Protein backbone atom coordinates (compact mmCIF):
# COMPACT_ATOMS: atom_id res chain seq x y z
CA UNK A 1 0.00 0.00 0.00
CA UNK A 2 1.40 3.37 -1.01
CA UNK A 3 1.62 6.09 1.62
CA UNK A 4 0.12 9.53 1.18
CA UNK A 5 2.68 12.33 0.81
CA UNK A 6 2.11 13.62 4.34
CA UNK A 7 2.82 10.17 5.78
CA UNK A 8 6.37 10.43 4.44
CA UNK A 9 7.07 13.50 6.59
CA UNK A 10 8.61 13.13 10.05
CA UNK A 11 6.67 16.21 11.15
CA UNK A 12 3.41 14.42 10.34
CA UNK A 13 4.29 11.54 12.67
CA UNK A 14 5.32 13.95 15.41
CA UNK A 15 2.12 15.99 14.97
CA UNK A 16 0.04 12.83 15.23
CA UNK A 17 1.91 11.90 18.41
CA UNK A 18 1.12 15.35 19.80
CA UNK A 19 -2.55 14.95 18.82
CA UNK A 20 -2.70 11.76 20.90
CA UNK A 21 -1.00 13.56 23.82
CA UNK A 22 -3.42 16.48 23.50
CA UNK A 23 -6.36 14.09 23.66
CA UNK A 24 -4.91 12.54 26.83
CA UNK A 25 -4.64 16.04 28.33
CA UNK A 26 -8.21 16.79 27.28
CA UNK A 27 -9.46 13.58 28.90
CA UNK A 28 -7.74 14.53 32.17
CA UNK A 29 -9.13 18.09 32.32
CA UNK A 30 -11.59 18.75 35.15
CA UNK A 31 -15.28 19.15 34.39
CA UNK A 32 -16.29 22.64 33.38
CA UNK A 33 -13.34 23.11 31.03
CA UNK A 34 -15.08 22.07 27.81
CA UNK A 35 -14.20 25.28 25.94
CA UNK A 36 -10.53 24.83 26.72
CA UNK A 37 -10.72 21.16 25.76
CA UNK A 38 -12.47 21.95 22.47
CA UNK A 39 -9.95 24.65 21.58
CA UNK A 40 -6.97 22.37 22.26
CA UNK A 41 -8.58 19.55 20.30
CA UNK A 42 -9.31 21.79 17.30
CA UNK A 43 -5.83 23.33 17.30
CA UNK A 44 -4.08 19.94 17.61
CA UNK A 45 -6.17 18.51 14.77
CA UNK A 46 -5.48 21.62 12.69
CA UNK A 47 -1.74 20.95 12.91
CA UNK A 48 -2.21 17.46 11.47
CA UNK A 49 -4.76 18.49 8.85
CA UNK A 50 -2.73 21.42 7.52
CA UNK A 51 0.42 19.32 7.26
CA UNK A 52 -1.55 16.82 5.17
CA UNK A 53 -3.06 19.57 3.01
CA UNK A 54 0.34 21.14 2.46
CA UNK A 55 1.93 17.84 1.50
CA UNK A 56 -0.87 17.22 -0.98
CA UNK A 57 -0.42 20.57 -2.74
CA UNK A 58 1.53 20.99 -5.96
CA UNK A 59 2.24 24.70 -5.76
CA UNK A 60 5.23 25.57 -3.60
CA UNK A 61 3.58 28.75 -2.31
CA UNK A 62 0.41 26.85 -1.38
CA UNK A 63 2.48 24.19 0.41
CA UNK A 64 4.29 26.91 2.35
CA UNK A 65 0.99 28.54 3.28
CA UNK A 66 -0.46 25.32 4.73
CA UNK A 67 2.75 24.66 6.66
CA UNK A 68 2.60 28.20 8.10
CA UNK A 69 -1.02 27.64 9.17
CA UNK A 70 0.00 24.36 10.84
CA UNK A 71 2.82 26.22 12.59
CA UNK A 72 0.39 28.84 13.94
CA UNK A 73 -1.91 26.09 15.21
CA UNK A 74 1.05 24.45 16.96
CA UNK A 75 1.92 27.70 18.73
CA UNK A 76 -1.74 28.03 19.69
CA UNK A 77 -1.50 24.58 21.29
CA UNK A 78 1.56 25.71 23.23
CA UNK A 79 -0.32 28.75 24.54
CA UNK A 80 -3.22 26.55 25.65
CA UNK A 81 -0.85 24.17 27.43
CA UNK A 82 0.87 27.10 29.14
CA UNK A 83 -2.43 28.57 30.30
CA UNK A 84 -3.63 25.19 31.54
CA UNK A 85 -0.45 24.70 33.53
CA UNK A 86 -0.58 28.24 34.90
CA UNK A 87 -4.07 27.77 36.34
CA UNK A 88 -3.15 24.33 37.66
CA UNK A 89 -5.42 22.09 35.62
CA UNK A 90 -2.81 20.21 33.57
CA UNK A 91 0.00 17.99 34.76
CA UNK A 92 3.29 19.87 34.46
CA UNK A 93 5.17 16.79 33.19
CA UNK A 94 2.65 16.13 30.45
CA UNK A 95 2.69 19.83 29.53
CA UNK A 96 6.51 19.71 29.33
CA UNK A 97 6.32 16.68 27.03
CA UNK A 98 3.76 18.43 24.84
CA UNK A 99 5.80 21.63 24.67
CA UNK A 100 8.90 19.66 23.65
CA UNK A 101 6.99 18.03 20.81
CA UNK A 102 5.51 21.36 19.75
CA UNK A 103 8.92 23.06 19.67
CA UNK A 104 10.17 20.36 17.30
CA UNK A 105 7.00 20.57 15.19
CA UNK A 106 7.28 24.36 14.85
CA UNK A 107 10.95 24.13 13.90
CA UNK A 108 10.24 21.50 11.23
CA UNK A 109 7.29 23.45 9.84
CA UNK A 110 9.30 26.66 9.57
CA UNK A 111 11.95 24.79 7.58
CA UNK A 112 9.32 23.21 5.31
CA UNK A 113 7.63 26.54 4.76
CA UNK A 114 10.88 28.27 3.84
CA UNK A 115 11.87 25.43 1.52
CA UNK A 116 8.64 25.63 -0.48
CA UNK A 117 7.94 29.34 -0.73
CA UNK A 118 8.97 31.09 -3.90
CA UNK A 119 11.83 33.52 -3.78
C-alpha atoms as a PDB file:
ATOM      1  CA  UNK A   1       0.000   0.000   0.000  1.00  0.00           C
ATOM      2  CA  UNK A   2       1.404   3.370  -1.013  1.00  0.00           C
ATOM      3  CA  UNK A   3       1.619   6.091   1.619  1.00  0.00           C
ATOM      4  CA  UNK A   4       0.117   9.532   1.184  1.00  0.00           C
ATOM      5  CA  UNK A   5       2.681  12.327   0.811  1.00  0.00           C
ATOM      6  CA  UNK A   6       2.110  13.625   4.344  1.00  0.00           C
ATOM      7  CA  UNK A   7       2.817  10.168   5.783  1.00  0.00           C
ATOM      8  CA  UNK A   8       6.366  10.433   4.439  1.00  0.00           C
ATOM      9  CA  UNK A   9       7.065  13.500   6.590  1.00  0.00           C
ATOM     10  CA  UNK A  10       8.615  13.134  10.053  1.00  0.00           C
ATOM     11  CA  UNK A  11       6.668  16.205  11.150  1.00  0.00           C
ATOM     12  CA  UNK A  12       3.408  14.424  10.345  1.00  0.00           C
ATOM     13  CA  UNK A  13       4.288  11.545  12.672  1.00  0.00           C
ATOM     14  CA  UNK A  14       5.319  13.952  15.410  1.00  0.00           C
ATOM     15  CA  UNK A  15       2.120  15.994  14.967  1.00  0.00           C
ATOM     16  CA  UNK A  16       0.037  12.825  15.229  1.00  0.00           C
ATOM     17  CA  UNK A  17       1.906  11.902  18.413  1.00  0.00           C
ATOM     18  CA  UNK A  18       1.117  15.353  19.797  1.00  0.00           C
ATOM     19  CA  UNK A  19      -2.547  14.950  18.822  1.00  0.00           C
ATOM     20  CA  UNK A  20      -2.695  11.765  20.903  1.00  0.00           C
ATOM     21  CA  UNK A  21      -1.003  13.558  23.821  1.00  0.00           C
ATOM     22  CA  UNK A  22      -3.421  16.479  23.497  1.00  0.00           C
ATOM     23  CA  UNK A  23      -6.360  14.088  23.661  1.00  0.00           C
ATOM     24  CA  UNK A  24      -4.912  12.544  26.829  1.00  0.00           C
ATOM     25  CA  UNK A  25      -4.645  16.037  28.329  1.00  0.00           C
ATOM     26  CA  UNK A  26      -8.213  16.786  27.281  1.00  0.00           C
ATOM     27  CA  UNK A  27      -9.461  13.576  28.902  1.00  0.00           C
ATOM     28  CA  UNK A  28      -7.739  14.534  32.173  1.00  0.00           C
ATOM     29  CA  UNK A  29      -9.127  18.089  32.325  1.00  0.00           C
ATOM     30  CA  UNK A  30     -11.589  18.748  35.150  1.00  0.00           C
ATOM     31  CA  UNK A  31     -15.278  19.147  34.392  1.00  0.00           C
ATOM     32  CA  UNK A  32     -16.287  22.640  33.382  1.00  0.00           C
ATOM     33  CA  UNK A  33     -13.336  23.114  31.026  1.00  0.00           C
ATOM     34  CA  UNK A  34     -15.077  22.068  27.814  1.00  0.00           C
ATOM     35  CA  UNK A  35     -14.204  25.279  25.936  1.00  0.00           C
ATOM     36  CA  UNK A  36     -10.526  24.835  26.719  1.00  0.00           C
ATOM     37  CA  UNK A  37     -10.715  21.164  25.761  1.00  0.00           C
ATOM     38  CA  UNK A  38     -12.471  21.951  22.474  1.00  0.00           C
ATOM     39  CA  UNK A  39      -9.946  24.648  21.584  1.00  0.00           C
ATOM     40  CA  UNK A  40      -6.971  22.372  22.260  1.00  0.00           C
ATOM     41  CA  UNK A  41      -8.583  19.549  20.299  1.00  0.00           C
ATOM     42  CA  UNK A  42      -9.312  21.787  17.305  1.00  0.00           C
ATOM     43  CA  UNK A  43      -5.831  23.326  17.298  1.00  0.00           C
ATOM     44  CA  UNK A  44      -4.077  19.944  17.615  1.00  0.00           C
ATOM     45  CA  UNK A  45      -6.166  18.507  14.772  1.00  0.00           C
ATOM     46  CA  UNK A  46      -5.477  21.618  12.692  1.00  0.00           C
ATOM     47  CA  UNK A  47      -1.738  20.948  12.910  1.00  0.00           C
ATOM     48  CA  UNK A  48      -2.213  17.455  11.467  1.00  0.00           C
ATOM     49  CA  UNK A  49      -4.763  18.491   8.854  1.00  0.00           C
ATOM     50  CA  UNK A  50      -2.732  21.419   7.524  1.00  0.00           C
ATOM     51  CA  UNK A  51       0.418  19.318   7.258  1.00  0.00           C
ATOM     52  CA  UNK A  52      -1.555  16.820   5.174  1.00  0.00           C
ATOM     53  CA  UNK A  53      -3.058  19.566   3.010  1.00  0.00           C
ATOM     54  CA  UNK A  54       0.342  21.137   2.455  1.00  0.00           C
ATOM     55  CA  UNK A  55       1.931  17.842   1.501  1.00  0.00           C
ATOM     56  CA  UNK A  56      -0.875  17.221  -0.985  1.00  0.00           C
ATOM     57  CA  UNK A  57      -0.416  20.565  -2.736  1.00  0.00           C
ATOM     58  CA  UNK A  58       1.526  20.986  -5.961  1.00  0.00           C
ATOM     59  CA  UNK A  59       2.238  24.698  -5.756  1.00  0.00           C
ATOM     60  CA  UNK A  60       5.231  25.572  -3.599  1.00  0.00           C
ATOM     61  CA  UNK A  61       3.582  28.748  -2.307  1.00  0.00           C
ATOM     62  CA  UNK A  62       0.409  26.851  -1.384  1.00  0.00           C
ATOM     63  CA  UNK A  63       2.478  24.192   0.406  1.00  0.00           C
ATOM     64  CA  UNK A  64       4.286  26.913   2.350  1.00  0.00           C
ATOM     65  CA  UNK A  65       0.989  28.537   3.275  1.00  0.00           C
ATOM     66  CA  UNK A  66      -0.456  25.324   4.730  1.00  0.00           C
ATOM     67  CA  UNK A  67       2.753  24.664   6.664  1.00  0.00           C
ATOM     68  CA  UNK A  68       2.597  28.200   8.101  1.00  0.00           C
ATOM     69  CA  UNK A  69      -1.019  27.638   9.175  1.00  0.00           C
ATOM     70  CA  UNK A  70       0.004  24.359  10.844  1.00  0.00           C
ATOM     71  CA  UNK A  71       2.818  26.224  12.590  1.00  0.00           C
ATOM     72  CA  UNK A  72       0.390  28.843  13.936  1.00  0.00           C
ATOM     73  CA  UNK A  73      -1.907  26.094  15.209  1.00  0.00           C
ATOM     74  CA  UNK A  74       1.054  24.448  16.957  1.00  0.00           C
ATOM     75  CA  UNK A  75       1.919  27.701  18.729  1.00  0.00           C
ATOM     76  CA  UNK A  76      -1.745  28.026  19.694  1.00  0.00           C
ATOM     77  CA  UNK A  77      -1.501  24.579  21.291  1.00  0.00           C
ATOM     78  CA  UNK A  78       1.563  25.711  23.229  1.00  0.00           C
ATOM     79  CA  UNK A  79      -0.316  28.752  24.542  1.00  0.00           C
ATOM     80  CA  UNK A  80      -3.224  26.554  25.649  1.00  0.00           C
ATOM     81  CA  UNK A  81      -0.850  24.175  27.433  1.00  0.00           C
ATOM     82  CA  UNK A  82       0.874  27.104  29.144  1.00  0.00           C
ATOM     83  CA  UNK A  83      -2.429  28.574  30.301  1.00  0.00           C
ATOM     84  CA  UNK A  84      -3.627  25.190  31.537  1.00  0.00           C
ATOM     85  CA  UNK A  85      -0.447  24.703  33.526  1.00  0.00           C
ATOM     86  CA  UNK A  86      -0.581  28.241  34.903  1.00  0.00           C
ATOM     87  CA  UNK A  87      -4.068  27.766  36.341  1.00  0.00           C
ATOM     88  CA  UNK A  88      -3.147  24.328  37.664  1.00  0.00           C
ATOM     89  CA  UNK A  89      -5.423  22.091  35.622  1.00  0.00           C
ATOM     90  CA  UNK A  90      -2.813  20.213  33.573  1.00  0.00           C
ATOM     91  CA  UNK A  91       0.000  17.986  34.757  1.00  0.00           C
ATOM     92  CA  UNK A  92       3.292  19.870  34.457  1.00  0.00           C
ATOM     93  CA  UNK A  93       5.175  16.793  33.193  1.00  0.00           C
ATOM     94  CA  UNK A  94       2.653  16.129  30.448  1.00  0.00           C
ATOM     95  CA  UNK A  95       2.693  19.828  29.525  1.00  0.00           C
ATOM     96  CA  UNK A  96       6.506  19.711  29.330  1.00  0.00           C
ATOM     97  CA  UNK A  97       6.324  16.678  27.031  1.00  0.00           C
ATOM     98  CA  UNK A  98       3.759  18.434  24.842  1.00  0.00           C
ATOM     99  CA  UNK A  99       5.797  21.629  24.665  1.00  0.00           C
ATOM    100  CA  UNK A 100       8.904  19.661  23.654  1.00  0.00           C
ATOM    101  CA  UNK A 101       6.985  18.026  20.808  1.00  0.00           C
ATOM    102  CA  UNK A 102       5.507  21.363  19.746  1.00  0.00           C
ATOM    103  CA  UNK A 103       8.920  23.058  19.672  1.00  0.00           C
ATOM    104  CA  UNK A 104      10.170  20.356  17.304  1.00  0.00           C
ATOM    105  CA  UNK A 105       7.004  20.570  15.192  1.00  0.00           C
ATOM    106  CA  UNK A 106       7.279  24.356  14.854  1.00  0.00           C
ATOM    107  CA  UNK A 107      10.945  24.130  13.897  1.00  0.00           C
ATOM    108  CA  UNK A 108      10.243  21.505  11.231  1.00  0.00           C
ATOM    109  CA  UNK A 109       7.286  23.450   9.836  1.00  0.00           C
ATOM    110  CA  UNK A 110       9.302  26.658   9.569  1.00  0.00           C
ATOM    111  CA  UNK A 111      11.950  24.795   7.576  1.00  0.00           C
ATOM    112  CA  UNK A 112       9.321  23.207   5.311  1.00  0.00           C
ATOM    113  CA  UNK A 113       7.628  26.542   4.759  1.00  0.00           C
ATOM    114  CA  UNK A 114      10.882  28.266   3.836  1.00  0.00           C
ATOM    115  CA  UNK A 115      11.873  25.430   1.522  1.00  0.00           C
ATOM    116  CA  UNK A 116       8.636  25.626  -0.483  1.00  0.00           C
ATOM    117  CA  UNK A 117       7.939  29.337  -0.726  1.00  0.00           C
ATOM    118  CA  UNK A 118       8.969  31.092  -3.903  1.00  0.00           C
ATOM    119  CA  UNK A 119      11.831  33.524  -3.782  1.00  0.00           C
END
